[in-house]
Amino acid sequence: MAGRHARAALVGREEDPPRDFDLYLVRSDDDPDRIGRTTVRLPPELDYLSADDVVAVSGDGLRIRVLWRHDSRQNSILLTERCNHYCLMCSQPPKSGVDDHLLAQAFELIRLLPRDTVEIGFTGGEPTLYGDQLIDLLRLTRNLHPGSEVHVLSNGTRFADPDFAAAWASVDNPNMMVGIPLYGAEPARHDYVVQAEGAFNKTVPGIMNLAQLGQRIEVRVVLHKQTAPALPEIAEFIARNLPFVDQVALMGLEMIGLARANIPALWIDPTEYADQLAEAVLILDRSRIHTMIYNHQLCLLPRNLWPWAVRSISGSAALKTYRCPGCNQEVRPGVAHVVAWPVDGPDGGGDERRHWHSGCWQR
């Protein structure tokens, strides 16, 4: 089989194979023998692959992993499954094994991505465990994709080290944002949720260190039984102590990962915290902090909260072409994106709905 960084051509059923490619892929209903060169037939579940997607193919051609879908907005690059927290609702339960191959794969993937890639997300585990290696990856991303929105998920504790915060800032990418969770207005609640003693007293100074260096910051709050009752206090803490953050994301609980095992400690009906959510949004809005509510059905939200509700459309559900108000460019079919509508419009927005690129909406 072809080696790393190989260029592969996806050949349609009635097409002749182009020349000078290292590997050829054909659909599940095509005959690979007609190509006459190194060819892999895709399984039916991968017939959706299209131009500029990135895949990893095992040496025997029997295993294919999709690393990147160019027309999707749900791509994220997993850098590690290791983490120094053990959040009650973690969607990616931490593992202790060495998985540096994921970082090496990320370097390769960044080099392979098309230059018109709109958005690149890095997640874990805890990506900052890599230290300077993460900084090198982010610098490579900036150099190869200077126009891409870059979003990194982190628990924020590493930024309490001024030297690491300075190294992060040295990447000098105005399109880079870090998403950091905050689950309480005081240490006890936050540390309990993340299952790491002393985490609050590192996360908050870390956020402040980044702010002093002019870095873009998103504060994320996952809403569940441990956090929802304290939402007004958390919002007040952000408004008073962290008013400089670029945005706050209030996110409904997703029943995946550790959340399933911890349902008794986490589950609360969204209607039970509607008042606290409304109060928190009002506090943040009065402080002019861009606030978004994710993963909530409109029927569960008071109507006065609809202006802050964000509906995310998956790539598979995006079937039409729209015009993004932020950049005036097309949102193509198959591209996951954000839908917004005015509060005084009909339910769901009707004709007033606007479809935004995720990166444009966050700006």
Protein backbone atom coordinates (compact mmCIF):
# COMPACT_ATOMS: atom_id res chain seq x y z
CA MET A 1 0.00 0.00 0.00
CA ALA A 2 1.03 3.64 -0.35
CA GLY A 3 2.88 5.26 2.54
CA ARG A 4 2.04 8.23 4.73
CA HIS A 5 0.93 11.49 3.09
CA ALA A 6 -0.17 9.46 0.02
CA ARG A 7 -2.48 11.19 -2.44
CA ALA A 8 -5.54 9.11 -3.21
CA ALA A 9 -8.00 9.54 -6.05
CA LEU A 10 -11.67 8.65 -5.59
CA VAL A 11 -12.77 7.25 -8.94
CA GLY A 12 -16.42 7.31 -10.00
CA ARG A 13 -18.00 4.22 -11.50
CA GLU A 14 -17.94 5.50 -15.08
CA GLU A 15 -14.69 7.46 -14.75
CA ASP A 16 -11.22 6.63 -15.94
CA PRO A 17 -8.61 6.85 -13.19
CA PRO A 18 -6.45 9.98 -13.24
CA ARG A 19 -2.71 9.50 -13.47
CA ASP A 20 0.07 9.89 -10.90
CA PHE A 21 -1.82 9.08 -7.70
CA ASP A 22 -0.42 6.77 -5.01
CA LEU A 23 -3.73 5.06 -4.26
CA TYR A 24 -7.15 4.74 -5.86
CA LEU A 25 -10.50 4.33 -4.10
CA VAL A 26 -13.66 3.06 -5.76
CA ARG A 27 -17.23 2.89 -4.48
CA SER A 28 -18.64 -0.28 -2.97
CA ASP A 29 -20.50 -1.17 -6.19
CA ASP A 30 -17.46 -0.72 -8.44
CA ASP A 31 -14.82 -3.22 -9.60
CA PRO A 32 -11.34 -2.35 -8.31
CA ASP A 33 -9.69 -4.64 -10.89
CA ARG A 34 -10.66 -2.28 -13.72
CA ILE A 35 -8.31 0.39 -12.32
CA GLY A 36 -5.21 -1.72 -12.87
CA ARG A 37 -3.29 -0.04 -10.04
CA THR A 38 -3.20 -0.08 -6.23
CA THR A 39 -6.90 0.20 -5.44
CA VAL A 40 -9.16 -0.16 -2.40
CA ARG A 41 -12.89 -0.74 -2.67
CA LEU A 42 -14.83 1.26 -0.09
CA PRO A 43 -17.40 -0.48 2.12
CA PRO A 44 -20.97 0.75 1.54
CA GLU A 45 -20.94 2.85 4.73
CA LEU A 46 -18.11 4.96 3.29
CA ASP A 47 -19.67 5.69 -0.08
CA TYR A 48 -20.30 9.24 1.15
CA LEU A 49 -16.60 10.15 0.86
CA SER A 50 -15.90 13.10 -1.40
CA ALA A 51 -13.06 15.33 -2.58
CA ASP A 52 -10.61 16.62 0.06
CA ASP A 53 -11.71 14.13 2.74
CA VAL A 54 -8.79 12.56 4.59
CA VAL A 55 -8.68 8.85 5.41
CA ALA A 56 -6.22 6.43 6.96
CA VAL A 57 -5.88 3.07 5.22
CA SER A 58 -4.15 0.10 6.82
CA GLY A 59 -1.30 -1.56 4.97
CA ASP A 60 -3.49 -4.47 3.92
CA GLY A 61 -6.30 -2.19 2.78
CA LEU A 62 -8.82 -3.87 5.07
CA ARG A 63 -9.23 -1.06 7.59
CA ILE A 64 -10.18 2.50 6.65
CA ARG A 65 -10.69 5.32 9.13
CA VAL A 66 -12.13 8.67 8.14
CA LEU A 67 -10.04 11.41 9.79
CA TRP A 68 -11.64 14.45 8.17
CA ARG A 69 -14.75 15.24 6.12
CA HIS A 70 -14.16 18.44 4.22
CA ASP A 71 -17.86 19.29 3.84
CA SER A 72 -18.66 18.71 7.52
CA ARG A 73 -18.56 21.15 10.44
CA GLN A 74 -18.48 18.37 13.01
CA ASN A 75 -14.82 17.52 12.56
CA SER A 76 -12.67 17.46 15.67
CA ILE A 77 -9.13 16.20 16.02
CA LEU A 78 -8.63 14.01 19.08
CA LEU A 79 -5.15 14.67 20.45
CA THR A 80 -5.17 12.42 23.51
CA GLU A 81 -7.47 10.39 25.74
CA ARG A 82 -5.37 11.23 28.80
CA CYS A 83 -6.65 13.84 31.22
CA ASN A 84 -5.86 15.23 34.67
CA HIS A 85 -9.59 15.61 35.42
CA TYR A 86 -12.36 13.02 35.59
CA CYS A 87 -15.50 15.07 34.97
CA LEU A 88 -18.77 13.48 36.06
CA MET A 89 -20.29 13.94 32.59
CA CYS A 90 -17.16 13.55 30.44
CA SER A 91 -18.08 12.54 26.90
CA GLN A 92 -14.59 11.08 26.33
CA PRO A 93 -13.77 9.06 29.48
CA PRO A 94 -10.05 9.43 30.22
CA LYS A 95 -7.57 6.61 29.68
CA SER A 96 -4.09 6.35 31.16
CA GLY A 97 -2.24 4.66 28.31
CA VAL A 98 0.35 6.38 26.15
CA ASP A 99 -1.34 7.64 22.99
CA ASP A 100 1.24 9.97 21.48
CA HIS A 101 0.40 8.47 18.09
CA LEU A 102 -2.72 10.65 18.12
CA LEU A 103 -0.58 13.78 18.26
CA ALA A 104 1.66 12.51 15.47
CA GLN A 105 -1.46 11.78 13.42
CA ALA A 106 -2.72 15.31 14.07
CA PHE A 107 0.49 16.81 12.66
CA GLU A 108 0.06 14.71 9.52
CA LEU A 109 -3.60 15.63 9.22
CA ILE A 110 -2.95 19.38 9.48
CA ARG A 111 -0.48 19.08 6.61
CA LEU A 112 -3.04 17.25 4.48
CA LEU A 113 -6.06 19.50 5.04
CA PRO A 114 -7.13 21.75 2.15
CA ARG A 115 -6.06 25.36 2.51
CA ASP A 116 -9.69 26.52 2.38
CA THR A 117 -10.58 24.61 5.56
CA VAL A 118 -12.92 26.90 7.49
CA GLU A 119 -12.73 25.53 11.01
CA ILE A 120 -10.34 23.24 12.90
CA GLY A 121 -11.11 21.89 16.37
CA PHE A 122 -8.76 20.12 18.78
CA THR A 123 -10.05 18.08 21.68
CA GLY A 124 -9.11 15.43 24.21
CA GLY A 125 -8.59 14.29 26.95
CA GLU A 126 -6.57 17.30 27.90
CA PRO A 127 -4.52 18.63 24.97
CA THR A 128 -2.31 20.87 27.13
CA LEU A 129 -0.70 17.78 28.68
CA TYR A 130 1.54 17.84 25.59
CA GLY A 131 3.02 21.18 26.61
CA ASP A 132 5.34 22.59 23.94
CA GLN A 133 4.31 19.88 21.46
CA LEU A 134 0.79 21.31 21.45
CA ILE A 135 2.21 24.77 20.86
CA ASP A 136 4.16 23.42 17.89
CA LEU A 137 0.97 21.89 16.47
CA LEU A 138 -0.96 25.14 16.87
CA ARG A 139 1.86 27.11 15.25
CA LEU A 140 1.88 24.70 12.29
CA THR A 141 -1.91 25.10 12.03
CA ARG A 142 -1.57 28.88 11.93
CA ASN A 143 1.15 28.74 9.27
CA LEU A 144 -0.68 26.32 6.96
CA HIS A 145 -4.24 27.52 7.61
CA PRO A 146 -4.05 31.21 8.54
CA GLY A 147 -7.70 31.81 7.63
CA SER A 148 -9.17 28.91 9.60
CA GLU A 149 -11.04 29.31 12.88
CA VAL A 150 -9.19 27.21 15.48
CA HIS A 151 -10.98 26.03 18.62
CA VAL A 152 -9.23 24.07 21.38
CA LEU A 153 -11.04 22.42 24.31
CA SER A 154 -9.09 22.50 27.57
CA ASN A 155 -9.81 22.35 31.29
CA GLY A 156 -7.66 25.48 31.61
CA THR A 157 -5.47 24.48 34.53
CA ARG A 158 -2.21 24.48 32.54
CA PHE A 159 -2.65 28.18 31.78
CA ALA A 160 -2.11 28.96 35.47
CA ASP A 161 1.56 28.57 34.52
CA PRO A 162 2.47 32.01 33.13
CA ASP A 163 5.19 30.52 30.92
CA PHE A 164 2.74 28.16 29.23
CA ALA A 165 0.16 30.90 28.80
CA ALA A 166 2.86 33.04 27.18
CA ALA A 167 3.82 30.15 24.88
CA TRP A 168 0.16 29.83 23.86
CA ALA A 169 -0.02 33.54 23.09
CA SER A 170 3.21 33.31 21.08
CA VAL A 171 1.33 31.27 18.46
CA ASP A 172 -0.05 34.68 17.50
CA ASN A 173 -3.25 33.43 15.87
CA PRO A 174 -6.14 35.91 16.10
CA ASN A 175 -8.50 33.15 14.90
CA MET A 176 -7.70 30.82 17.81
CA MET A 177 -10.03 30.38 20.76
CA VAL A 178 -9.82 28.11 23.79
CA GLY A 179 -12.97 26.70 25.40
CA ILE A 180 -12.61 26.32 29.18
CA PRO A 181 -15.29 24.93 31.54
CA LEU A 182 -16.40 26.63 34.74
CA TYR A 183 -18.82 24.71 36.93
CA GLY A 184 -19.07 26.84 40.03
CA ALA A 185 -18.59 30.28 41.52
CA GLU A 186 -16.41 28.75 44.22
CA PRO A 187 -13.93 25.87 44.39
CA ALA A 188 -16.05 23.17 46.04
CA ARG A 189 -18.69 22.85 43.31
CA HIS A 190 -16.27 23.12 40.37
CA ASP A 191 -13.74 20.71 41.87
CA TYR A 192 -16.47 18.16 42.62
CA VAL A 193 -17.80 18.21 39.06
CA VAL A 194 -14.33 17.80 37.52
CA GLN A 195 -13.24 15.39 40.28
CA ALA A 196 -9.93 17.21 40.79
CA GLU A 197 -9.08 18.99 44.02
CA GLY A 198 -7.61 22.44 43.48
CA ALA A 199 -8.80 22.67 39.87
CA PHE A 200 -10.84 25.88 40.37
CA ASN A 201 -7.85 27.70 41.83
CA LYS A 202 -5.86 26.90 38.69
CA THR A 203 -8.58 27.29 36.06
CA VAL A 204 -9.60 30.82 37.03
CA PRO A 205 -6.02 32.20 37.24
CA GLY A 206 -5.35 30.43 33.94
CA ILE A 207 -8.23 32.29 32.29
CA MET A 208 -6.92 35.56 33.70
CA ASN A 209 -3.41 34.86 32.43
CA LEU A 210 -4.76 34.30 28.93
CA ALA A 211 -6.84 37.46 29.08
CA GLN A 212 -3.84 39.56 30.07
CA LEU A 213 -2.16 38.25 26.93
CA GLY A 214 -5.10 39.20 24.71
CA GLN A 215 -6.23 35.64 23.95
CA ARG A 216 -9.75 34.65 22.87
CA ILE A 217 -11.61 32.68 25.54
CA GLU A 218 -14.90 30.82 25.68
CA VAL A 219 -16.29 29.79 29.07
CA ARG A 220 -18.40 26.63 28.90
CA VAL A 221 -20.97 25.50 31.47
CA VAL A 222 -22.63 22.11 31.12
CA LEU A 223 -26.05 22.22 32.75
CA HIS A 224 -27.01 19.40 35.10
CA LYS A 225 -28.11 18.80 38.69
CA GLN A 226 -24.76 19.98 40.12
CA THR A 227 -24.47 23.20 38.11
CA ALA A 228 -27.97 24.34 37.11
CA PRO A 229 -29.12 25.44 40.59
CA ALA A 230 -26.02 27.67 40.84
CA LEU A 231 -26.30 29.20 37.37
CA PRO A 232 -27.07 32.75 38.59
CA GLU A 233 -24.07 32.64 40.93
CA ILE A 234 -21.83 31.30 38.14
CA ALA A 235 -23.05 34.02 35.77
CA GLU A 236 -22.49 36.69 38.41
CA PHE A 237 -18.96 35.37 39.00
CA ILE A 238 -18.20 35.54 35.28
CA ALA A 239 -19.71 39.02 34.93
CA ARG A 240 -17.74 40.39 37.89
CA ASN A 241 -14.45 38.55 37.54
CA LEU A 242 -14.21 37.42 33.91
CA PRO A 243 -16.11 40.08 31.91
CA PHE A 244 -13.44 40.02 29.22
CA VAL A 245 -14.27 36.55 27.89
CA ASP A 246 -15.38 36.41 24.28
CA GLN A 247 -18.40 34.22 24.86
CA VAL A 248 -20.18 31.93 27.29
CA ALA A 249 -21.71 28.64 26.13
CA LEU A 250 -24.48 27.18 28.31
CA MET A 251 -24.76 23.59 27.19
CA GLY A 252 -27.43 21.00 27.82
CA LEU A 253 -26.30 17.65 29.19
CA GLU A 254 -25.58 14.95 26.59
CA MET A 255 -26.18 11.39 27.72
CA ILE A 256 -22.91 9.94 26.50
CA GLY A 257 -19.67 8.83 28.12
CA LEU A 258 -19.57 9.08 31.91
CA ALA A 259 -22.91 10.91 32.03
CA ARG A 260 -24.72 7.59 31.61
CA ALA A 261 -23.00 6.09 34.63
CA ASN A 262 -23.66 9.20 36.74
CA ILE A 263 -27.30 9.86 35.83
CA PRO A 264 -28.50 9.97 39.48
CA ALA A 265 -26.00 12.73 40.27
CA LEU A 266 -26.55 14.66 37.03
CA TRP A 267 -30.04 14.43 35.59
CA ILE A 268 -32.39 17.35 36.04
CA ASP A 269 -35.29 18.22 33.76
CA PRO A 270 -34.52 21.46 31.87
CA THR A 271 -37.91 22.83 32.91
CA GLU A 272 -36.74 22.66 36.52
CA TYR A 273 -33.90 25.12 35.96
CA ALA A 274 -35.59 27.43 33.45
CA ASP A 275 -35.80 30.28 35.98
CA GLN A 276 -32.12 29.99 36.93
CA LEU A 277 -31.14 29.82 33.26
CA ALA A 278 -33.15 32.94 32.46
CA GLU A 279 -31.59 34.82 35.37
CA ALA A 280 -28.09 33.77 34.34
CA VAL A 281 -28.61 34.84 30.72
CA LEU A 282 -29.93 38.21 31.89
CA ILE A 283 -26.88 38.76 34.11
CA LEU A 284 -24.48 37.92 31.27
CA ASP A 285 -26.41 39.94 28.71
CA ARG A 286 -26.41 43.02 30.94
CA SER A 287 -22.64 42.67 31.11
CA ARG A 288 -22.56 42.51 27.29
CA ILE A 289 -21.08 39.03 27.27
CA HIS A 290 -21.98 37.06 24.15
CA THR A 291 -24.02 34.12 25.44
CA MET A 292 -25.32 31.01 23.66
CA ILE A 293 -27.59 28.19 24.81
CA TYR A 294 -26.86 24.82 23.19
CA ASN A 295 -28.58 21.42 23.20
CA HIS A 296 -31.97 22.67 24.36
CA GLN A 297 -35.24 22.13 22.51
CA LEU A 298 -37.19 25.34 22.10
CA CYS A 299 -40.27 23.77 23.64
CA LEU A 300 -38.32 23.39 26.88
CA LEU A 301 -37.12 26.99 26.96
CA PRO A 302 -39.10 30.07 27.98
CA ARG A 303 -39.76 32.11 24.86
CA ASN A 304 -37.73 35.04 26.22
CA LEU A 305 -34.61 32.84 26.02
CA TRP A 306 -35.02 32.00 22.33
CA PRO A 307 -32.69 34.80 21.12
CA TRP A 308 -29.82 33.02 22.87
CA ALA A 309 -30.75 29.51 21.75
CA VAL A 310 -28.49 28.09 19.08
CA ARG A 311 -29.62 25.27 16.86
CA SER A 312 -26.77 23.20 15.44
CA ILE A 313 -27.44 21.41 12.16
CA SER A 314 -25.41 18.26 11.54
CA GLY A 315 -23.76 17.70 8.20
CA SER A 316 -26.05 14.79 7.34
CA ALA A 317 -29.13 16.96 7.99
CA ALA A 318 -27.92 19.95 5.95
CA LEU A 319 -29.50 19.33 2.55
CA LYS A 320 -29.78 22.83 1.06
CA THR A 321 -27.48 25.70 0.13
CA TYR A 322 -27.80 28.85 2.30
CA ARG A 323 -26.10 32.25 2.40
CA CYS A 324 -24.19 33.00 5.62
CA PRO A 325 -24.94 36.58 6.86
CA GLY A 326 -21.51 36.76 8.49
CA CYS A 327 -19.31 36.29 5.42
CA ASN A 328 -21.87 36.37 2.57
CA GLN A 329 -20.52 33.02 1.36
CA GLU A 330 -22.49 29.83 0.71
CA VAL A 331 -23.21 27.27 3.40
CA ARG A 332 -23.08 24.21 1.20
CA PRO A 333 -25.17 21.02 1.56
CA GLY A 334 -23.50 18.58 3.94
CA VAL A 335 -21.93 21.36 6.02
CA ALA A 336 -22.95 21.46 9.69
CA HIS A 337 -23.82 24.99 10.80
CA VAL A 338 -25.82 27.21 13.15
CA VAL A 339 -29.41 28.40 12.63
CA ALA A 340 -30.64 31.58 14.36
CA TRP A 341 -33.91 33.47 14.30
CA PRO A 342 -35.48 36.58 15.87
CA VAL A 343 -37.36 36.20 19.14
CA ASP A 344 -40.47 37.88 17.74
CA GLY A 345 -40.68 35.58 14.73
CA PRO A 346 -42.90 32.48 14.46
CA ASP A 347 -41.94 29.29 16.26
CA GLY A 348 -38.61 28.10 14.90
CA GLY A 349 -38.15 31.34 12.97
CA GLY A 350 -39.98 30.43 9.76
CA ASP A 351 -38.74 32.60 6.90
CA GLU A 352 -36.70 34.68 9.36
CA ARG A 353 -34.25 31.88 10.04
CA ARG A 354 -30.64 32.58 9.10
CA HIS A 355 -28.01 29.90 8.53
CA TRP A 356 -24.51 30.81 9.75
CA HIS A 357 -21.12 29.17 9.45
CA SER A 358 -20.19 28.11 13.00
CA GLY A 359 -17.04 30.25 12.94
CA CYS A 360 -18.90 33.31 11.64
CA TRP A 361 -21.55 32.96 14.36
CA GLN A 362 -18.89 32.85 17.10
CA ARG A 363 -17.10 35.99 15.89
